[in-house]
Amino acid sequence: MSRTAVQVETEPLFSSTHAALVFAFNFSHQAYDRPVMNRMADGPKRSGKGLVGLDGAGQAGMIRAAVDALGREEAMVITARFAPRRDACECKRPCCSGWVPGREWRGAVDHLTEYVLRMALAGTVSHYRVRNGIVRRIFGEDVKLIDIAEVAGVNRDTVADHAKRIAKHLSGIEGRAMKAIDEKLYLDGIIER
């Protein structure tokens, strides 16, 4: 008896790498699928990709695994770009106004702050607050270079020079990382082109 292989054509779930990464880094761990009885009571199924519950968690996990398979700095750059910058805080104290820096985002920014000292600013003396402020600025936080200079007590021309060097170095890493993750997600059938 012969066995024939059956190929199933599946359409990609995301229109772009950006959309896939936004989904993966923002997938809520509390997003559980609704009970079967509730889904049956809804009537006709709405259009959509159905990325909720375990399906969504699995898809987010596959995308995150692809990111983690990149080099350490490439994964950190993508994490800093796509992870939520803020997490809700339930402490009800006035210190955080209900929001704290996102754990993953902050970890990536902290890693990159130390990394740029060795790579982008090798051979220079650099204040931690300057590097950290610049990295936070590159990855979406509203920080002005003049404010970084004032807080760190450093000349604003020095901060501008550091910002230019760090931005150039991290931009190169981000470009390579996005190209690599785009290719991986396309070959895995997760995104379309």
N, C-alpha and C. Protein backbone atom coordinates (compact mmCIF):
# COMPACT_ATOMS: atom_id res chain seq x y z
N MET A 1 0.84 -1.16 0.00
CA MET A 1 0.00 0.00 0.00
C MET A 1 0.89 1.23 0.00
N SER A 2 0.65 2.16 -0.89
CA SER A 2 1.49 3.36 -0.98
C SER A 2 0.89 4.51 -0.17
N ARG A 3 1.77 5.29 0.32
CA ARG A 3 1.33 6.46 1.08
C ARG A 3 1.59 7.70 0.23
N THR A 4 0.62 8.55 0.17
CA THR A 4 0.81 9.80 -0.57
C THR A 4 0.87 10.95 0.41
N ALA A 5 1.77 11.83 0.16
CA ALA A 5 1.92 13.00 1.03
C ALA A 5 0.85 14.02 0.66
N VAL A 6 0.29 14.58 1.66
CA VAL A 6 -0.71 15.61 1.45
C VAL A 6 -0.10 16.94 1.86
N GLN A 7 -0.10 17.88 0.93
CA GLN A 7 0.41 19.20 1.24
C GLN A 7 -0.77 20.11 1.53
N VAL A 8 -0.67 20.82 2.59
CA VAL A 8 -1.71 21.76 2.96
C VAL A 8 -1.18 23.16 2.76
N GLU A 9 -1.86 23.93 1.96
CA GLU A 9 -1.47 25.32 1.73
C GLU A 9 -2.02 26.16 2.87
N THR A 10 -1.15 26.88 3.52
CA THR A 10 -1.59 27.78 4.57
C THR A 10 -1.17 29.19 4.20
N GLU A 11 -2.02 30.13 4.52
CA GLU A 11 -1.67 31.51 4.22
C GLU A 11 -0.92 32.10 5.42
N PRO A 12 0.01 32.98 5.15
CA PRO A 12 0.75 33.60 6.25
C PRO A 12 -0.19 34.36 7.18
N LEU A 13 0.16 34.38 8.44
CA LEU A 13 -0.69 35.03 9.43
C LEU A 13 -0.48 36.53 9.51
N PHE A 14 0.68 37.02 9.09
CA PHE A 14 0.99 38.44 9.23
C PHE A 14 1.41 39.03 7.90
N SER A 15 1.09 40.30 7.71
CA SER A 15 1.42 40.96 6.46
C SER A 15 2.87 41.46 6.43
N SER A 16 3.50 41.55 7.60
CA SER A 16 4.87 42.05 7.65
C SER A 16 5.59 41.53 8.89
N THR A 17 6.90 41.66 8.85
CA THR A 17 7.71 41.30 10.01
C THR A 17 7.37 42.21 11.18
N HIS A 18 7.17 43.48 10.90
CA HIS A 18 6.82 44.44 11.94
C HIS A 18 5.54 44.00 12.66
N ALA A 19 4.52 43.63 11.91
CA ALA A 19 3.26 43.20 12.51
C ALA A 19 3.45 41.94 13.35
N ALA A 20 4.25 41.01 12.88
CA ALA A 20 4.49 39.77 13.62
C ALA A 20 5.23 40.05 14.93
N LEU A 21 6.22 40.92 14.88
CA LEU A 21 6.98 41.24 16.09
C LEU A 21 6.14 42.03 17.10
N VAL A 22 5.34 42.95 16.61
CA VAL A 22 4.45 43.69 17.51
C VAL A 22 3.51 42.72 18.21
N PHE A 23 2.95 41.79 17.45
CA PHE A 23 2.05 40.79 18.04
C PHE A 23 2.78 39.95 19.09
N ALA A 24 3.94 39.43 18.74
CA ALA A 24 4.66 38.52 19.64
C ALA A 24 5.08 39.20 20.93
N PHE A 25 5.54 40.44 20.85
CA PHE A 25 6.01 41.13 22.06
C PHE A 25 4.87 41.72 22.89
N ASN A 26 3.70 41.82 22.31
CA ASN A 26 2.58 42.41 23.04
C ASN A 26 1.48 41.41 23.35
N PHE A 27 1.71 40.13 23.02
CA PHE A 27 0.70 39.12 23.29
C PHE A 27 0.50 39.03 24.79
N SER A 28 -0.72 39.15 25.22
CA SER A 28 -1.03 39.13 26.65
C SER A 28 -1.05 37.69 27.14
N HIS A 29 -0.33 37.43 28.20
CA HIS A 29 -0.31 36.10 28.77
C HIS A 29 -1.65 35.75 29.41
N GLN A 30 -2.50 36.74 29.62
CA GLN A 30 -3.81 36.48 30.21
C GLN A 30 -4.88 36.31 29.13
N ALA A 31 -4.51 36.29 27.86
CA ALA A 31 -5.48 36.19 26.78
C ALA A 31 -5.87 34.74 26.55
N TYR A 32 -6.82 34.27 27.31
CA TYR A 32 -7.26 32.89 27.17
C TYR A 32 -8.41 32.82 26.18
N ASP A 33 -8.52 31.69 25.53
CA ASP A 33 -9.62 31.48 24.61
C ASP A 33 -10.92 31.40 25.41
N ARG A 34 -11.99 31.85 24.79
CA ARG A 34 -13.29 31.83 25.45
C ARG A 34 -13.83 30.40 25.51
N PRO A 35 -14.67 30.10 26.48
CA PRO A 35 -15.25 28.77 26.56
C PRO A 35 -16.04 28.41 25.30
N VAL A 36 -16.11 27.12 24.98
CA VAL A 36 -16.79 26.64 23.78
C VAL A 36 -18.25 27.10 23.74
N MET A 37 -18.95 27.01 24.84
CA MET A 37 -20.37 27.41 24.88
C MET A 37 -20.53 28.88 24.49
N ASN A 38 -19.66 29.72 24.95
CA ASN A 38 -19.74 31.15 24.60
C ASN A 38 -19.45 31.37 23.12
N ARG A 39 -18.48 30.62 22.59
CA ARG A 39 -18.17 30.77 21.17
C ARG A 39 -19.31 30.27 20.30
N MET A 40 -19.96 29.19 20.71
CA MET A 40 -21.09 28.65 19.93
C MET A 40 -22.27 29.62 19.95
N ALA A 41 -22.46 30.32 21.04
CA ALA A 41 -23.57 31.25 21.16
C ALA A 41 -23.38 32.51 20.32
N ASP A 42 -22.17 32.73 19.86
CA ASP A 42 -21.89 33.95 19.08
C ASP A 42 -22.53 33.93 17.70
N GLY A 43 -22.86 32.80 17.18
CA GLY A 43 -23.41 32.73 15.83
C GLY A 43 -22.29 32.63 14.81
N PRO A 44 -22.48 33.25 13.63
CA PRO A 44 -21.48 33.12 12.56
C PRO A 44 -20.12 33.64 13.00
N LYS A 45 -19.10 32.92 12.57
CA LYS A 45 -17.73 33.27 12.93
C LYS A 45 -17.29 34.52 12.20
N ARG A 46 -16.66 35.40 12.95
CA ARG A 46 -16.12 36.62 12.36
C ARG A 46 -14.84 36.28 11.61
N SER A 47 -14.50 37.13 10.67
CA SER A 47 -13.24 36.90 9.95
C SER A 47 -12.07 37.30 10.85
N GLY A 48 -10.93 36.72 10.61
CA GLY A 48 -9.75 37.02 11.42
C GLY A 48 -8.84 35.82 11.44
N LYS A 49 -7.70 35.98 12.04
CA LYS A 49 -6.70 34.93 12.06
C LYS A 49 -6.86 33.99 13.25
N GLY A 50 -7.66 34.35 14.24
CA GLY A 50 -7.90 33.47 15.37
C GLY A 50 -6.73 33.33 16.32
N LEU A 51 -5.92 34.36 16.44
CA LEU A 51 -4.73 34.28 17.29
C LEU A 51 -5.05 34.71 18.72
N VAL A 52 -5.80 33.87 19.41
CA VAL A 52 -6.11 34.09 20.82
C VAL A 52 -5.82 32.79 21.56
N GLY A 53 -5.84 32.87 22.85
CA GLY A 53 -5.65 31.67 23.66
C GLY A 53 -4.36 30.95 23.36
N LEU A 54 -4.45 29.63 23.33
CA LEU A 54 -3.24 28.83 23.11
C LEU A 54 -2.68 28.99 21.70
N ASP A 55 -3.57 29.22 20.71
CA ASP A 55 -3.07 29.45 19.35
C ASP A 55 -2.20 30.70 19.30
N GLY A 56 -2.70 31.75 19.93
CA GLY A 56 -1.94 33.00 19.96
C GLY A 56 -0.64 32.86 20.73
N ALA A 57 -0.72 32.16 21.87
CA ALA A 57 0.49 31.95 22.68
C ALA A 57 1.52 31.15 21.91
N GLY A 58 1.07 30.13 21.19
CA GLY A 58 1.98 29.31 20.40
C GLY A 58 2.63 30.11 19.29
N GLN A 59 1.84 30.92 18.59
CA GLN A 59 2.38 31.74 17.51
C GLN A 59 3.37 32.77 18.04
N ALA A 60 3.00 33.42 19.15
CA ALA A 60 3.91 34.39 19.76
C ALA A 60 5.20 33.70 20.19
N GLY A 61 5.09 32.50 20.73
CA GLY A 61 6.28 31.76 21.15
C GLY A 61 7.19 31.39 20.00
N MET A 62 6.61 31.02 18.86
CA MET A 62 7.43 30.68 17.69
C MET A 62 8.18 31.91 17.18
N ILE A 63 7.50 33.05 17.17
CA ILE A 63 8.16 34.28 16.71
C ILE A 63 9.26 34.68 17.68
N ARG A 64 8.97 34.59 18.97
CA ARG A 64 9.97 34.94 19.99
C ARG A 64 11.16 33.99 19.94
N ALA A 65 10.92 32.72 19.65
CA ALA A 65 12.03 31.76 19.53
C ALA A 65 12.92 32.12 18.35
N ALA A 66 12.32 32.60 17.26
CA ALA A 66 13.11 33.03 16.11
C ALA A 66 13.98 34.24 16.47
N VAL A 67 13.44 35.13 17.27
CA VAL A 67 14.22 36.30 17.72
C VAL A 67 15.36 35.84 18.62
N ASP A 68 15.07 34.95 19.55
CA ASP A 68 16.09 34.46 20.48
C ASP A 68 17.20 33.70 19.77
N ALA A 69 16.91 33.13 18.60
CA ALA A 69 17.92 32.38 17.85
C ALA A 69 18.94 33.29 17.17
N LEU A 70 18.64 34.59 17.10
CA LEU A 70 19.60 35.54 16.55
C LEU A 70 20.74 35.72 17.55
N GLY A 71 21.73 36.46 17.19
CA GLY A 71 22.80 36.78 18.14
C GLY A 71 22.26 37.58 19.32
N ARG A 72 23.02 37.61 20.38
CA ARG A 72 22.57 38.28 21.62
C ARG A 72 22.20 39.74 21.40
N GLU A 73 23.08 40.51 20.77
CA GLU A 73 22.80 41.93 20.57
C GLU A 73 21.65 42.14 19.59
N GLU A 74 21.56 41.31 18.56
CA GLU A 74 20.45 41.43 17.61
C GLU A 74 19.12 41.20 18.32
N ALA A 75 19.07 40.18 19.18
CA ALA A 75 17.84 39.91 19.93
C ALA A 75 17.52 41.05 20.88
N MET A 76 18.54 41.63 21.51
CA MET A 76 18.32 42.74 22.44
C MET A 76 17.81 43.99 21.71
N VAL A 77 18.33 44.25 20.52
CA VAL A 77 17.89 45.40 19.75
C VAL A 77 16.42 45.22 19.34
N ILE A 78 16.05 44.04 18.89
CA ILE A 78 14.66 43.80 18.51
C ILE A 78 13.76 43.89 19.74
N THR A 79 14.21 43.36 20.86
CA THR A 79 13.43 43.45 22.10
C THR A 79 13.24 44.90 22.51
N ALA A 80 14.30 45.69 22.46
CA ALA A 80 14.20 47.11 22.82
C ALA A 80 13.27 47.86 21.88
N ARG A 81 13.22 47.44 20.63
CA ARG A 81 12.35 48.11 19.65
C ARG A 81 10.88 47.71 19.81
N PHE A 82 10.60 46.45 20.14
CA PHE A 82 9.22 45.97 20.09
C PHE A 82 8.58 45.64 21.43
N ALA A 83 9.34 45.43 22.47
CA ALA A 83 8.74 45.12 23.77
C ALA A 83 8.06 46.38 24.32
N PRO A 84 6.98 46.20 25.07
CA PRO A 84 6.30 47.36 25.66
C PRO A 84 7.25 48.14 26.57
N ARG A 85 7.26 49.46 26.39
CA ARG A 85 8.13 50.30 27.22
C ARG A 85 7.60 50.48 28.63
N ARG A 86 6.30 50.27 28.80
CA ARG A 86 5.70 50.44 30.13
C ARG A 86 4.82 49.24 30.46
N ASP A 87 4.82 48.89 31.75
CA ASP A 87 3.91 47.86 32.28
C ASP A 87 3.02 48.53 33.31
N ALA A 88 1.81 48.04 33.41
CA ALA A 88 0.89 48.57 34.42
C ALA A 88 1.38 48.19 35.81
N CYS A 89 1.19 49.09 36.75
CA CYS A 89 1.58 48.85 38.14
C CYS A 89 0.34 49.01 39.01
N GLU A 90 0.11 48.03 39.85
CA GLU A 90 -1.08 48.02 40.69
C GLU A 90 -0.82 48.52 42.11
N CYS A 91 0.34 49.10 42.36
CA CYS A 91 0.69 49.46 43.74
C CYS A 91 -0.13 50.64 44.27
N LYS A 92 -0.70 51.46 43.40
CA LYS A 92 -1.53 52.61 43.76
C LYS A 92 -0.76 53.70 44.51
N ARG A 93 0.55 53.68 44.45
CA ARG A 93 1.37 54.71 45.07
C ARG A 93 1.62 55.83 44.05
N PRO A 94 1.82 57.04 44.50
CA PRO A 94 2.05 58.14 43.56
C PRO A 94 3.40 58.09 42.85
N CYS A 95 4.29 57.20 43.31
CA CYS A 95 5.64 57.16 42.74
C CYS A 95 5.66 56.73 41.28
N CYS A 96 4.73 55.92 40.85
CA CYS A 96 4.80 55.40 39.48
C CYS A 96 3.62 55.81 38.61
N SER A 97 2.61 56.44 39.18
CA SER A 97 1.43 56.88 38.43
C SER A 97 0.76 55.72 37.69
N GLY A 98 0.89 54.52 38.21
CA GLY A 98 0.24 53.36 37.61
C GLY A 98 1.05 52.68 36.52
N TRP A 99 2.23 53.19 36.22
CA TRP A 99 3.07 52.61 35.16
C TRP A 99 4.51 52.51 35.63
N VAL A 100 5.17 51.45 35.24
CA VAL A 100 6.59 51.26 35.51
C VAL A 100 7.26 50.88 34.19
N PRO A 101 8.58 51.09 34.08
CA PRO A 101 9.26 50.67 32.85
C PRO A 101 9.03 49.17 32.61
N GLY A 102 8.77 48.82 31.35
CA GLY A 102 8.56 47.42 30.98
C GLY A 102 9.79 46.59 31.33
N ARG A 103 9.57 45.46 31.96
CA ARG A 103 10.66 44.61 32.42
C ARG A 103 11.57 44.17 31.28
N GLU A 104 10.99 43.66 30.22
CA GLU A 104 11.79 43.18 29.09
C GLU A 104 12.50 44.33 28.39
N TRP A 105 11.77 45.41 28.16
CA TRP A 105 12.34 46.58 27.49
C TRP A 105 13.52 47.12 28.29
N ARG A 106 13.32 47.26 29.59
CA ARG A 106 14.37 47.79 30.45
C ARG A 106 15.60 46.87 30.46
N GLY A 107 15.39 45.56 30.50
CA GLY A 107 16.50 44.62 30.47
C GLY A 107 17.31 44.75 29.18
N ALA A 108 16.61 44.91 28.06
CA ALA A 108 17.30 45.06 26.78
C ALA A 108 18.07 46.38 26.73
N VAL A 109 17.44 47.44 27.21
CA VAL A 109 18.11 48.75 27.22
C VAL A 109 19.33 48.72 28.13
N ASP A 110 19.21 48.11 29.29
CA ASP A 110 20.35 48.01 30.21
C ASP A 110 21.50 47.21 29.58
N HIS A 111 21.17 46.12 28.92
CA HIS A 111 22.20 45.32 28.24
C HIS A 111 22.89 46.16 27.16
N LEU A 112 22.11 46.85 26.35
CA LEU A 112 22.68 47.65 25.26
C LEU A 112 23.48 48.84 25.79
N THR A 113 23.09 49.36 26.94
CA THR A 113 23.84 50.46 27.55
C THR A 113 25.26 50.03 27.85
N GLU A 114 25.43 48.83 28.37
CA GLU A 114 26.78 48.31 28.65
C GLU A 114 27.49 47.89 27.36
N TYR A 115 26.74 47.34 26.43
CA TYR A 115 27.33 46.89 25.16
C TYR A 115 27.95 48.05 24.38
N VAL A 116 27.24 49.18 24.29
CA VAL A 116 27.76 50.30 23.48
C VAL A 116 29.03 50.89 24.07
N LEU A 117 29.24 50.73 25.36
CA LEU A 117 30.49 51.22 25.97
C LEU A 117 31.67 50.46 25.37
N ARG A 118 31.53 49.16 25.21
CA ARG A 118 32.61 48.34 24.68
C ARG A 118 32.76 48.46 23.17
N MET A 119 31.67 48.68 22.47
CA MET A 119 31.73 48.60 21.01
C MET A 119 31.65 49.97 20.32
N ALA A 120 30.60 50.73 20.57
CA ALA A 120 30.43 52.02 19.88
C ALA A 120 31.32 53.11 20.45
N LEU A 121 31.63 53.01 21.74
CA LEU A 121 32.41 54.06 22.40
C LEU A 121 33.75 53.55 22.92
N ALA A 122 34.26 52.51 22.31
CA ALA A 122 35.53 51.92 22.76
C ALA A 122 36.63 52.99 22.76
N GLY A 123 37.40 53.03 23.84
CA GLY A 123 38.50 53.98 23.93
C GLY A 123 38.10 55.33 24.49
N THR A 124 36.84 55.51 24.87
CA THR A 124 36.40 56.78 25.44
C THR A 124 35.90 56.55 26.86
N VAL A 125 35.85 57.63 27.60
CA VAL A 125 35.25 57.59 28.92
C VAL A 125 33.80 58.04 28.74
N SER A 126 32.88 57.26 29.27
CA SER A 126 31.47 57.56 29.06
C SER A 126 30.69 57.35 30.35
N HIS A 127 29.88 58.31 30.66
CA HIS A 127 29.02 58.26 31.85
C HIS A 127 27.85 57.31 31.57
N TYR A 128 27.53 56.45 32.55
CA TYR A 128 26.43 55.49 32.39
C TYR A 128 25.13 56.20 32.04
N ARG A 129 24.82 57.29 32.73
CA ARG A 129 23.55 58.00 32.48
C ARG A 129 23.47 58.54 31.06
N VAL A 130 24.60 58.95 30.52
CA VAL A 130 24.62 59.44 29.14
C VAL A 130 24.27 58.29 28.19
N ARG A 131 24.99 57.19 28.33
CA ARG A 131 24.72 56.04 27.44
C ARG A 131 23.29 55.55 27.59
N ASN A 132 22.84 55.40 28.83
CA ASN A 132 21.50 54.89 29.07
C ASN A 132 20.44 55.82 28.51
N GLY A 133 20.61 57.11 28.70
CA GLY A 133 19.66 58.08 28.16
C GLY A 133 19.60 58.03 26.64
N ILE A 134 20.76 57.90 26.02
CA ILE A 134 20.82 57.84 24.55
C ILE A 134 20.17 56.56 24.05
N VAL A 135 20.46 55.43 24.67
CA VAL A 135 19.85 54.16 24.24
C VAL A 135 18.33 54.23 24.44
N ARG A 136 17.88 54.75 25.58
CA ARG A 136 16.43 54.89 25.80
C ARG A 136 15.80 55.78 24.72
N ARG A 137 16.49 56.84 24.37
CA ARG A 137 15.99 57.76 23.33
C ARG A 137 15.89 57.04 21.98
N ILE A 138 16.91 56.28 21.63
CA ILE A 138 16.91 55.56 20.35
C ILE A 138 15.73 54.59 20.27
N PHE A 139 15.38 54.00 21.41
CA PHE A 139 14.31 53.00 21.41
C PHE A 139 12.98 53.54 21.93
N GLY A 140 12.74 54.81 21.68
CA GLY A 140 11.39 55.34 21.81
C GLY A 140 11.05 56.20 23.00
N GLU A 141 11.93 56.33 23.96
CA GLU A 141 11.59 57.18 25.09
C GLU A 141 11.85 58.63 24.72
N ASP A 142 10.96 59.50 25.17
CA ASP A 142 11.07 60.92 24.85
C ASP A 142 12.09 61.58 25.78
N VAL A 143 13.36 61.57 25.36
CA VAL A 143 14.45 62.13 26.15
C VAL A 143 15.23 63.09 25.25
N LYS A 144 15.46 64.28 25.73
CA LYS A 144 16.23 65.26 24.95
C LYS A 144 17.71 65.16 25.33
N LEU A 145 18.58 65.33 24.34
CA LEU A 145 20.01 65.24 24.59
C LEU A 145 20.47 66.29 25.60
N ILE A 146 19.90 67.48 25.54
CA ILE A 146 20.29 68.54 26.48
C ILE A 146 19.95 68.13 27.92
N ASP A 147 18.83 67.43 28.09
CA ASP A 147 18.44 66.95 29.43
C ASP A 147 19.39 65.87 29.92
N ILE A 148 19.82 64.99 29.00
CA ILE A 148 20.79 63.95 29.37
C ILE A 148 22.09 64.61 29.83
N ALA A 149 22.52 65.62 29.10
CA ALA A 149 23.76 66.32 29.46
C ALA A 149 23.65 66.97 30.83
N GLU A 150 22.53 67.61 31.11
CA GLU A 150 22.34 68.27 32.40
C GLU A 150 22.33 67.28 33.55
N VAL A 151 21.58 66.19 33.41
CA VAL A 151 21.48 65.20 34.48
C VAL A 151 22.84 64.57 34.78
N ALA A 152 23.61 64.30 33.73
CA ALA A 152 24.90 63.64 33.91
C ALA A 152 26.03 64.62 34.20
N GLY A 153 25.78 65.92 34.02
CA GLY A 153 26.83 66.91 34.22
C GLY A 153 27.91 66.82 33.17
N VAL A 154 27.51 66.56 31.93
CA VAL A 154 28.44 66.38 30.81
C VAL A 154 28.14 67.44 29.76
N ASN A 155 29.17 67.86 29.04
CA ASN A 155 29.01 68.84 27.97
C ASN A 155 28.06 68.31 26.91
N ARG A 156 27.19 69.17 26.41
CA ARG A 156 26.18 68.71 25.44
C ARG A 156 26.80 68.28 24.11
N ASP A 157 27.98 68.83 23.75
CA ASP A 157 28.65 68.38 22.52
C ASP A 157 29.15 66.94 22.67
N THR A 158 29.60 66.61 23.87
CA THR A 158 30.02 65.23 24.14
C THR A 158 28.84 64.29 24.03
N VAL A 159 27.70 64.70 24.57
CA VAL A 159 26.49 63.87 24.50
C VAL A 159 26.06 63.71 23.05
N ALA A 160 26.12 64.78 22.27
CA ALA A 160 25.73 64.71 20.86
C ALA A 160 26.66 63.77 20.09
N ASP A 161 27.96 63.84 20.38
CA ASP A 161 28.93 62.95 19.72
C ASP A 161 28.65 61.49 20.09
N HIS A 162 28.44 61.23 21.38
CA HIS A 162 28.12 59.87 21.82
C HIS A 162 26.83 59.38 21.16
N ALA A 163 25.84 60.25 21.09
CA ALA A 163 24.55 59.87 20.50
C ALA A 163 24.72 59.47 19.04
N LYS A 164 25.53 60.22 18.31
CA LYS A 164 25.75 59.91 16.89
C LYS A 164 26.45 58.56 16.74
N ARG A 165 27.46 58.31 17.54
CA ARG A 165 28.20 57.05 17.45
C ARG A 165 27.35 55.85 17.87
N ILE A 166 26.60 56.02 18.95
CA ILE A 166 25.75 54.92 19.43
C ILE A 166 24.64 54.63 18.43
N ALA A 167 24.00 55.68 17.92
CA ALA A 167 22.90 55.49 16.96
C ALA A 167 23.40 54.77 15.71
N LYS A 168 24.56 55.16 15.21
CA LYS A 168 25.12 54.52 14.01
C LYS A 168 25.39 53.04 14.26
N HIS A 169 25.98 52.73 15.40
CA HIS A 169 26.32 51.34 15.72
C HIS A 169 25.05 50.49 15.90
N LEU A 170 24.11 50.98 16.69
CA LEU A 170 22.88 50.21 16.94
C LEU A 170 22.01 50.11 15.69
N SER A 171 22.06 51.13 14.84
CA SER A 171 21.31 51.08 13.58
C SER A 171 21.81 49.95 12.69
N GLY A 172 23.12 49.75 12.65
CA GLY A 172 23.69 48.65 11.87
C GLY A 172 23.25 47.30 12.40
N ILE A 173 23.25 47.15 13.73
CA ILE A 173 22.81 45.89 14.33
C ILE A 173 21.34 45.67 14.05
N GLU A 174 20.53 46.71 14.20
CA GLU A 174 19.10 46.57 13.98
C GLU A 174 18.79 46.22 12.53
N GLY A 175 19.50 46.82 11.60
CA GLY A 175 19.30 46.50 10.18
C GLY A 175 19.58 45.03 9.88
N ARG A 176 20.70 44.53 10.41
CA ARG A 176 21.04 43.11 10.20
C ARG A 176 20.02 42.21 10.88
N ALA A 177 19.61 42.58 12.08
CA ALA A 177 18.66 41.76 12.84
C ALA A 177 17.31 41.70 12.12
N MET A 178 16.84 42.83 11.64
CA MET A 178 15.54 42.84 10.96
C MET A 178 15.59 42.05 9.64
N LYS A 179 16.70 42.14 8.95
CA LYS A 179 16.84 41.37 7.71
C LYS A 179 16.81 39.88 8.01
N ALA A 180 17.54 39.47 9.05
CA ALA A 180 17.61 38.05 9.41
C ALA A 180 16.26 37.54 9.90
N ILE A 181 15.57 38.29 10.74
CA ILE A 181 14.28 37.83 11.27
C ILE A 181 13.22 37.84 10.17
N ASP A 182 13.30 38.80 9.26
CA ASP A 182 12.37 38.85 8.14
C ASP A 182 12.50 37.59 7.28
N GLU A 183 13.73 37.21 6.98
CA GLU A 183 13.97 36.02 6.17
C GLU A 183 13.48 34.76 6.88
N LYS A 184 13.76 34.66 8.17
CA LYS A 184 13.34 33.49 8.96
C LYS A 184 11.82 33.38 9.01
N LEU A 185 11.14 34.48 9.29
CA LEU A 185 9.68 34.43 9.39
C LEU A 185 9.03 34.17 8.04
N TYR A 186 9.64 34.66 6.97
CA TYR A 186 9.11 34.39 5.62
C TYR A 186 9.27 32.90 5.28
N LEU A 187 10.45 32.36 5.54
CA LEU A 187 10.69 30.93 5.22
C LEU A 187 9.80 30.02 6.07
N ASP A 188 9.47 30.45 7.28
CA ASP A 188 8.59 29.66 8.15
C ASP A 188 7.11 29.84 7.80
N GLY A 189 6.81 30.72 6.82
CA GLY A 189 5.43 30.93 6.39
C GLY A 189 4.61 31.78 7.35
N ILE A 190 5.27 32.54 8.20
CA ILE A 190 4.56 33.37 9.17
C ILE A 190 4.17 34.72 8.60
N ILE A 191 5.02 35.25 7.69
CA ILE A 191 4.71 36.54 7.06
C ILE A 191 4.61 36.37 5.55
N GLU A 192 3.98 37.35 4.93
CA GLU A 192 3.90 37.35 3.47
C GLU A 192 4.81 38.43 2.94
N ARG A 193 5.06 38.35 1.67
CA ARG A 193 5.90 39.39 1.04
C ARG A 193 5.16 40.04 -0.08
